[in-house]
Amino acid sequence: MKQCKDCGEYKAETDFYGIQGECKECTKIRVHSNYSNRREQYSKYEHDRNKKRRVYMLEQQKKYRLNNPEKYHARNIVAHALRNGTLVKEPCMKCGNPKTQCHHKDYSKPLEVDWLCFKCHRELEHNQIVSTIPF
């Protein structure tokens, strides 16, 4: 048992965040109050932060497209083909999952694709074992 420095109640160790002196309930109240009192400041901070993130992401996209023109071109062609109906999504060729991604074996043939779910795509392309345990 541990005593909360704010409300003074004795509570179980699990009712505290790590070694913090105030219980989870008091922490939630303090954080909510702080955010409410300084809403404009937090709003401006998040706005500026998101602007910087957008600029950074656009720079990264541009860099990726310049470094991988063949992949970018192939993915663009597939996106247009899906939109105009010349290419239709199919279930995963390994497990039959209807939610699929497009996999190119050869980017010089952009419309020759295999349809794989996220899990099978990761296992095939990146040798990663994707957990099926829900979080």
N, C-alpha and C. Protein backbone atom coordinates (compact mmCIF):
# COMPACT_ATOMS: atom_id res chain seq x y z
N MET A 1 0.84 -1.18 0.00
CA MET A 1 0.00 0.00 0.00
C MET A 1 0.89 1.25 0.00
N LYS A 2 0.36 2.27 -0.64
CA LYS A 2 1.11 3.51 -0.78
C LYS A 2 0.14 4.68 -0.60
N GLN A 3 0.62 5.76 0.01
CA GLN A 3 -0.23 6.92 0.24
C GLN A 3 -0.06 7.93 -0.88
N CYS A 4 -1.18 8.41 -1.40
CA CYS A 4 -1.16 9.44 -2.45
C CYS A 4 -0.81 10.78 -1.80
N LYS A 5 0.15 11.49 -2.38
CA LYS A 5 0.57 12.79 -1.81
C LYS A 5 -0.47 13.87 -2.02
N ASP A 6 -1.43 13.63 -2.93
CA ASP A 6 -2.44 14.65 -3.23
C ASP A 6 -3.71 14.46 -2.40
N CYS A 7 -4.32 13.27 -2.53
CA CYS A 7 -5.59 13.04 -1.82
C CYS A 7 -5.38 12.41 -0.45
N GLY A 8 -4.19 11.87 -0.17
CA GLY A 8 -3.88 11.31 1.14
C GLY A 8 -4.38 9.90 1.37
N GLU A 9 -5.07 9.32 0.40
CA GLU A 9 -5.61 7.97 0.56
C GLU A 9 -4.51 6.92 0.38
N TYR A 10 -4.68 5.79 1.05
CA TYR A 10 -3.77 4.66 0.87
C TYR A 10 -4.35 3.77 -0.22
N LYS A 11 -3.53 3.49 -1.22
CA LYS A 11 -3.99 2.69 -2.36
C LYS A 11 -2.94 1.66 -2.73
N ALA A 12 -3.35 0.68 -3.55
CA ALA A 12 -2.43 -0.36 -4.01
C ALA A 12 -1.39 0.24 -4.96
N GLU A 13 -0.24 -0.43 -5.05
CA GLU A 13 0.85 0.03 -5.94
C GLU A 13 0.38 0.16 -7.39
N THR A 14 -0.57 -0.67 -7.79
CA THR A 14 -1.07 -0.64 -9.17
C THR A 14 -1.91 0.60 -9.47
N ASP A 15 -2.29 1.33 -8.43
CA ASP A 15 -3.07 2.56 -8.61
C ASP A 15 -2.19 3.78 -8.82
N PHE A 16 -0.88 3.56 -9.00
CA PHE A 16 0.08 4.63 -9.22
C PHE A 16 0.82 4.39 -10.53
N TYR A 17 1.25 5.48 -11.19
CA TYR A 17 2.08 5.37 -12.38
C TYR A 17 3.54 5.27 -11.93
N GLY A 18 4.11 4.08 -11.96
CA GLY A 18 5.51 3.90 -11.60
C GLY A 18 5.79 4.34 -10.18
N ILE A 19 6.79 5.21 -10.02
CA ILE A 19 7.17 5.66 -8.67
C ILE A 19 6.57 7.03 -8.34
N GLN A 20 5.64 7.47 -9.16
CA GLN A 20 5.01 8.78 -8.95
C GLN A 20 4.29 8.81 -7.60
N GLY A 21 4.29 9.95 -6.95
CA GLY A 21 3.72 10.08 -5.62
C GLY A 21 2.22 10.26 -5.58
N GLU A 22 1.61 10.62 -6.70
CA GLU A 22 0.15 10.78 -6.68
C GLU A 22 -0.51 9.63 -7.44
N CYS A 23 -1.71 9.27 -7.02
CA CYS A 23 -2.42 8.13 -7.62
C CYS A 23 -2.89 8.48 -9.04
N LYS A 24 -3.31 7.46 -9.77
CA LYS A 24 -3.74 7.66 -11.16
C LYS A 24 -4.91 8.62 -11.25
N GLU A 25 -5.87 8.52 -10.34
CA GLU A 25 -7.04 9.40 -10.38
C GLU A 25 -6.65 10.86 -10.18
N CYS A 26 -5.78 11.12 -9.21
CA CYS A 26 -5.33 12.50 -8.96
C CYS A 26 -4.50 13.01 -10.15
N THR A 27 -3.70 12.14 -10.73
CA THR A 27 -2.90 12.52 -11.89
C THR A 27 -3.81 12.92 -13.05
N LYS A 28 -4.84 12.12 -13.30
CA LYS A 28 -5.79 12.41 -14.39
C LYS A 28 -6.46 13.77 -14.17
N ILE A 29 -6.87 14.04 -12.94
CA ILE A 29 -7.54 15.31 -12.62
C ILE A 29 -6.57 16.47 -12.85
N ARG A 30 -5.31 16.34 -12.37
CA ARG A 30 -4.32 17.39 -12.52
C ARG A 30 -4.00 17.67 -13.99
N VAL A 31 -3.81 16.60 -14.78
CA VAL A 31 -3.49 16.76 -16.20
C VAL A 31 -4.65 17.40 -16.95
N HIS A 32 -5.87 16.95 -16.67
CA HIS A 32 -7.05 17.52 -17.33
C HIS A 32 -7.20 19.01 -16.99
N SER A 33 -7.01 19.34 -15.73
CA SER A 33 -7.12 20.73 -15.30
C SER A 33 -6.05 21.59 -15.97
N ASN A 34 -4.82 21.09 -16.02
CA ASN A 34 -3.72 21.82 -16.65
C ASN A 34 -4.02 22.06 -18.14
N TYR A 35 -4.51 21.02 -18.80
CA TYR A 35 -4.81 21.16 -20.23
C TYR A 35 -5.95 22.16 -20.45
N SER A 36 -6.97 22.10 -19.61
CA SER A 36 -8.11 23.02 -19.75
C SER A 36 -7.68 24.47 -19.54
N ASN A 37 -6.82 24.69 -18.55
CA ASN A 37 -6.37 26.05 -18.24
C ASN A 37 -5.42 26.61 -19.29
N ARG A 38 -4.72 25.76 -20.01
CA ARG A 38 -3.72 26.22 -20.99
C ARG A 38 -4.06 25.73 -22.40
N ARG A 39 -5.34 25.62 -22.69
CA ARG A 39 -5.80 25.07 -23.97
C ARG A 39 -5.21 25.81 -25.18
N GLU A 40 -5.21 27.13 -25.14
CA GLU A 40 -4.70 27.91 -26.28
C GLU A 40 -3.22 27.61 -26.53
N GLN A 41 -2.44 27.55 -25.46
CA GLN A 41 -1.02 27.27 -25.59
C GLN A 41 -0.79 25.89 -26.21
N TYR A 42 -1.50 24.87 -25.72
CA TYR A 42 -1.35 23.52 -26.25
C TYR A 42 -1.83 23.44 -27.70
N SER A 43 -2.91 24.14 -28.00
CA SER A 43 -3.45 24.14 -29.35
C SER A 43 -2.44 24.74 -30.33
N LYS A 44 -1.85 25.86 -29.97
CA LYS A 44 -0.84 26.50 -30.82
C LYS A 44 0.37 25.59 -31.00
N TYR A 45 0.81 24.98 -29.90
CA TYR A 45 1.96 24.07 -29.96
C TYR A 45 1.70 22.91 -30.92
N GLU A 46 0.54 22.28 -30.80
CA GLU A 46 0.19 21.14 -31.68
C GLU A 46 0.06 21.58 -33.13
N HIS A 47 -0.50 22.76 -33.34
CA HIS A 47 -0.64 23.30 -34.71
C HIS A 47 0.73 23.47 -35.35
N ASP A 48 1.65 24.11 -34.62
CA ASP A 48 3.01 24.33 -35.14
C ASP A 48 3.72 23.00 -35.36
N ARG A 49 3.55 22.08 -34.43
CA ARG A 49 4.19 20.77 -34.53
C ARG A 49 3.70 20.01 -35.76
N ASN A 50 2.40 20.06 -36.00
CA ASN A 50 1.84 19.37 -37.16
C ASN A 50 2.30 19.99 -38.47
N LYS A 51 2.48 21.32 -38.49
CA LYS A 51 3.01 21.99 -39.68
C LYS A 51 4.40 21.45 -40.01
N LYS A 52 5.25 21.38 -38.98
CA LYS A 52 6.61 20.87 -39.16
C LYS A 52 6.60 19.42 -39.63
N ARG A 53 5.70 18.63 -39.06
CA ARG A 53 5.59 17.23 -39.47
C ARG A 53 5.18 17.10 -40.93
N ARG A 54 4.21 17.92 -41.35
CA ARG A 54 3.77 17.89 -42.75
C ARG A 54 4.91 18.22 -43.70
N VAL A 55 5.65 19.28 -43.37
CA VAL A 55 6.78 19.68 -44.21
C VAL A 55 7.81 18.56 -44.27
N TYR A 56 8.12 17.98 -43.11
CA TYR A 56 9.09 16.90 -43.05
C TYR A 56 8.64 15.70 -43.88
N MET A 57 7.36 15.31 -43.74
CA MET A 57 6.84 14.16 -44.48
C MET A 57 6.85 14.41 -45.98
N LEU A 58 6.51 15.62 -46.40
CA LEU A 58 6.55 15.94 -47.83
C LEU A 58 7.98 15.87 -48.37
N GLU A 59 8.94 16.32 -47.57
CA GLU A 59 10.34 16.22 -47.98
C GLU A 59 10.77 14.76 -48.11
N GLN A 60 10.34 13.93 -47.16
CA GLN A 60 10.68 12.51 -47.20
C GLN A 60 10.05 11.82 -48.41
N GLN A 61 8.79 12.16 -48.70
CA GLN A 61 8.12 11.60 -49.88
C GLN A 61 8.87 11.97 -51.15
N LYS A 62 9.23 13.22 -51.25
CA LYS A 62 9.94 13.71 -52.43
C LYS A 62 11.27 12.97 -52.59
N LYS A 63 11.99 12.82 -51.49
CA LYS A 63 13.27 12.13 -51.51
C LYS A 63 13.08 10.66 -51.93
N TYR A 64 12.06 9.99 -51.38
CA TYR A 64 11.79 8.60 -51.71
C TYR A 64 11.47 8.45 -53.20
N ARG A 65 10.63 9.36 -53.70
CA ARG A 65 10.24 9.29 -55.11
C ARG A 65 11.43 9.51 -56.04
N LEU A 66 12.34 10.40 -55.65
CA LEU A 66 13.53 10.63 -56.46
C LEU A 66 14.48 9.43 -56.41
N ASN A 67 14.56 8.77 -55.26
CA ASN A 67 15.45 7.62 -55.11
C ASN A 67 14.86 6.32 -55.66
N ASN A 68 13.53 6.25 -55.80
CA ASN A 68 12.85 5.03 -56.25
C ASN A 68 11.83 5.35 -57.34
N PRO A 69 12.27 5.90 -58.48
CA PRO A 69 11.31 6.30 -59.51
C PRO A 69 10.52 5.13 -60.10
N GLU A 70 11.15 3.96 -60.20
CA GLU A 70 10.46 2.81 -60.79
C GLU A 70 9.32 2.33 -59.89
N LYS A 71 9.58 2.27 -58.59
CA LYS A 71 8.54 1.87 -57.63
C LYS A 71 7.40 2.88 -57.62
N TYR A 72 7.75 4.15 -57.60
CA TYR A 72 6.75 5.22 -57.58
C TYR A 72 5.87 5.14 -58.82
N HIS A 73 6.49 4.96 -59.97
CA HIS A 73 5.77 4.89 -61.24
C HIS A 73 4.83 3.67 -61.25
N ALA A 74 5.32 2.51 -60.81
CA ALA A 74 4.51 1.29 -60.80
C ALA A 74 3.32 1.43 -59.85
N ARG A 75 3.54 2.00 -58.69
CA ARG A 75 2.45 2.16 -57.73
C ARG A 75 1.40 3.15 -58.23
N ASN A 76 1.85 4.18 -58.93
CA ASN A 76 0.93 5.14 -59.54
C ASN A 76 0.06 4.48 -60.59
N ILE A 77 0.67 3.66 -61.43
CA ILE A 77 -0.08 2.96 -62.48
C ILE A 77 -1.13 2.05 -61.86
N VAL A 78 -0.76 1.32 -60.81
CA VAL A 78 -1.71 0.42 -60.14
C VAL A 78 -2.86 1.23 -59.53
N ALA A 79 -2.56 2.36 -58.91
CA ALA A 79 -3.61 3.18 -58.30
C ALA A 79 -4.59 3.66 -59.36
N HIS A 80 -4.08 4.10 -60.51
CA HIS A 80 -4.96 4.56 -61.59
C HIS A 80 -5.78 3.39 -62.15
N ALA A 81 -5.16 2.23 -62.30
CA ALA A 81 -5.87 1.06 -62.82
C ALA A 81 -6.98 0.62 -61.86
N LEU A 82 -6.74 0.70 -60.57
CA LEU A 82 -7.78 0.36 -59.59
C LEU A 82 -8.94 1.34 -59.65
N ARG A 83 -8.60 2.64 -59.82
CA ARG A 83 -9.65 3.67 -59.88
C ARG A 83 -10.52 3.53 -61.12
N ASN A 84 -9.89 3.24 -62.27
CA ASN A 84 -10.70 3.18 -63.50
C ASN A 84 -11.23 1.78 -63.80
N GLY A 85 -10.91 0.79 -62.94
CA GLY A 85 -11.52 -0.53 -63.07
C GLY A 85 -10.77 -1.51 -63.95
N THR A 86 -9.63 -1.15 -64.50
CA THR A 86 -8.88 -2.12 -65.33
C THR A 86 -8.16 -3.15 -64.47
N LEU A 87 -8.01 -2.86 -63.18
CA LEU A 87 -7.41 -3.80 -62.24
C LEU A 87 -8.36 -3.89 -61.05
N VAL A 88 -8.64 -5.11 -60.59
CA VAL A 88 -9.58 -5.32 -59.49
C VAL A 88 -8.86 -6.04 -58.37
N LYS A 89 -9.08 -5.58 -57.14
CA LYS A 89 -8.48 -6.25 -55.98
C LYS A 89 -9.03 -7.66 -55.85
N GLU A 90 -8.14 -8.57 -55.47
CA GLU A 90 -8.53 -9.97 -55.25
C GLU A 90 -8.17 -10.36 -53.82
N PRO A 91 -8.71 -11.48 -53.34
CA PRO A 91 -8.33 -11.95 -52.00
C PRO A 91 -6.86 -12.38 -51.97
N CYS A 92 -6.32 -12.49 -50.77
CA CYS A 92 -4.92 -12.90 -50.61
C CYS A 92 -4.69 -14.25 -51.26
N MET A 93 -3.62 -14.34 -52.05
CA MET A 93 -3.35 -15.58 -52.78
C MET A 93 -2.84 -16.69 -51.86
N LYS A 94 -2.45 -16.35 -50.61
CA LYS A 94 -1.96 -17.37 -49.69
C LYS A 94 -3.03 -17.82 -48.70
N CYS A 95 -3.73 -16.85 -48.09
CA CYS A 95 -4.66 -17.22 -47.02
C CYS A 95 -6.13 -16.90 -47.34
N GLY A 96 -6.39 -16.13 -48.40
CA GLY A 96 -7.76 -15.83 -48.79
C GLY A 96 -8.38 -14.62 -48.11
N ASN A 97 -7.61 -13.89 -47.32
CA ASN A 97 -8.10 -12.69 -46.64
C ASN A 97 -8.55 -11.66 -47.69
N PRO A 98 -9.75 -11.07 -47.55
CA PRO A 98 -10.22 -10.11 -48.56
C PRO A 98 -9.52 -8.75 -48.50
N LYS A 99 -8.89 -8.41 -47.38
CA LYS A 99 -8.16 -7.14 -47.27
C LYS A 99 -6.75 -7.36 -47.77
N THR A 100 -6.45 -6.84 -48.97
CA THR A 100 -5.17 -7.15 -49.58
C THR A 100 -4.37 -5.93 -49.99
N GLN A 101 -3.09 -6.18 -50.25
CA GLN A 101 -2.15 -5.18 -50.76
C GLN A 101 -1.57 -5.71 -52.06
N CYS A 102 -1.11 -4.80 -52.85
CA CYS A 102 -0.53 -5.13 -54.14
C CYS A 102 0.97 -5.43 -53.95
N HIS A 103 1.45 -6.56 -54.48
CA HIS A 103 2.88 -6.89 -54.40
C HIS A 103 3.45 -7.03 -55.81
N HIS A 104 4.49 -6.25 -56.08
CA HIS A 104 5.17 -6.33 -57.38
C HIS A 104 6.39 -7.24 -57.27
N LYS A 105 6.47 -8.24 -58.12
CA LYS A 105 7.70 -9.03 -58.20
C LYS A 105 8.71 -8.28 -59.06
N ASP A 106 8.18 -7.59 -60.08
CA ASP A 106 9.04 -6.85 -61.01
C ASP A 106 8.38 -5.50 -61.29
N TYR A 107 9.03 -4.43 -60.87
CA TYR A 107 8.44 -3.10 -61.02
C TYR A 107 8.40 -2.62 -62.47
N SER A 108 9.13 -3.29 -63.36
CA SER A 108 9.08 -2.89 -64.77
C SER A 108 7.80 -3.40 -65.44
N LYS A 109 7.07 -4.27 -64.74
CA LYS A 109 5.77 -4.77 -65.22
C LYS A 109 4.73 -4.37 -64.17
N PRO A 110 4.30 -3.11 -64.21
CA PRO A 110 3.49 -2.58 -63.10
C PRO A 110 2.12 -3.22 -62.91
N LEU A 111 1.53 -3.78 -63.94
CA LEU A 111 0.19 -4.37 -63.78
C LEU A 111 0.24 -5.87 -63.49
N GLU A 112 1.43 -6.46 -63.44
CA GLU A 112 1.57 -7.86 -63.04
C GLU A 112 1.84 -7.89 -61.54
N VAL A 113 0.77 -8.09 -60.79
CA VAL A 113 0.86 -8.01 -59.33
C VAL A 113 0.29 -9.24 -58.66
N ASP A 114 0.75 -9.50 -57.45
CA ASP A 114 0.17 -10.53 -56.59
C ASP A 114 -0.59 -9.80 -55.50
N TRP A 115 -1.72 -10.36 -55.11
CA TRP A 115 -2.52 -9.75 -54.05
C TRP A 115 -2.27 -10.52 -52.77
N LEU A 116 -1.76 -9.82 -51.75
CA LEU A 116 -1.43 -10.43 -50.47
C LEU A 116 -1.98 -9.58 -49.33
N CYS A 117 -2.40 -10.24 -48.27
CA CYS A 117 -2.82 -9.50 -47.06
C CYS A 117 -1.55 -8.96 -46.39
N PHE A 118 -1.72 -8.09 -45.42
CA PHE A 118 -0.58 -7.46 -44.75
C PHE A 118 0.35 -8.52 -44.16
N LYS A 119 -0.23 -9.50 -43.48
CA LYS A 119 0.56 -10.53 -42.80
C LYS A 119 1.38 -11.34 -43.80
N CYS A 120 0.75 -11.83 -44.84
CA CYS A 120 1.45 -12.65 -45.84
C CYS A 120 2.48 -11.82 -46.61
N HIS A 121 2.17 -10.55 -46.88
CA HIS A 121 3.09 -9.66 -47.58
C HIS A 121 4.37 -9.47 -46.76
N ARG A 122 4.20 -9.21 -45.46
CA ARG A 122 5.36 -9.04 -44.58
C ARG A 122 6.20 -10.30 -44.51
N GLU A 123 5.53 -11.45 -44.40
CA GLU A 123 6.26 -12.71 -44.31
C GLU A 123 7.01 -13.02 -45.60
N LEU A 124 6.40 -12.75 -46.73
CA LEU A 124 7.03 -13.04 -48.02
C LEU A 124 8.16 -12.07 -48.33
N GLU A 125 7.90 -10.79 -48.21
CA GLU A 125 8.84 -9.77 -48.66
C GLU A 125 9.93 -9.44 -47.65
N HIS A 126 9.58 -9.44 -46.37
CA HIS A 126 10.52 -8.97 -45.35
C HIS A 126 10.92 -10.04 -44.34
N ASN A 127 10.46 -11.27 -44.53
CA ASN A 127 10.74 -12.37 -43.60
C ASN A 127 10.39 -12.02 -42.16
N GLN A 128 9.30 -11.27 -41.98
CA GLN A 128 8.85 -10.89 -40.65
C GLN A 128 7.67 -11.76 -40.26
N ILE A 129 7.65 -12.19 -39.03
CA ILE A 129 6.51 -12.95 -38.53
C ILE A 129 5.58 -11.95 -37.86
N VAL A 130 4.38 -11.82 -38.40
CA VAL A 130 3.41 -10.87 -37.88
C VAL A 130 2.52 -11.60 -36.88
N SER A 131 2.42 -11.05 -35.69
CA SER A 131 1.62 -11.64 -34.63
C SER A 131 0.14 -11.56 -34.99
N THR A 132 -0.59 -12.61 -34.68
CA THR A 132 -2.04 -12.60 -34.92
C THR A 132 -2.80 -12.36 -33.62
N ILE A 133 -2.06 -12.03 -32.54
CA ILE A 133 -2.69 -11.76 -31.25
C ILE A 133 -3.22 -10.33 -31.26
N PRO A 134 -4.52 -10.13 -31.02
CA PRO A 134 -5.05 -8.76 -30.99
C PRO A 134 -4.55 -8.03 -29.75
N PHE A 135 -4.31 -6.73 -29.88
CA PHE A 135 -3.81 -5.93 -28.75
C PHE A 135 -4.92 -5.23 -28.06
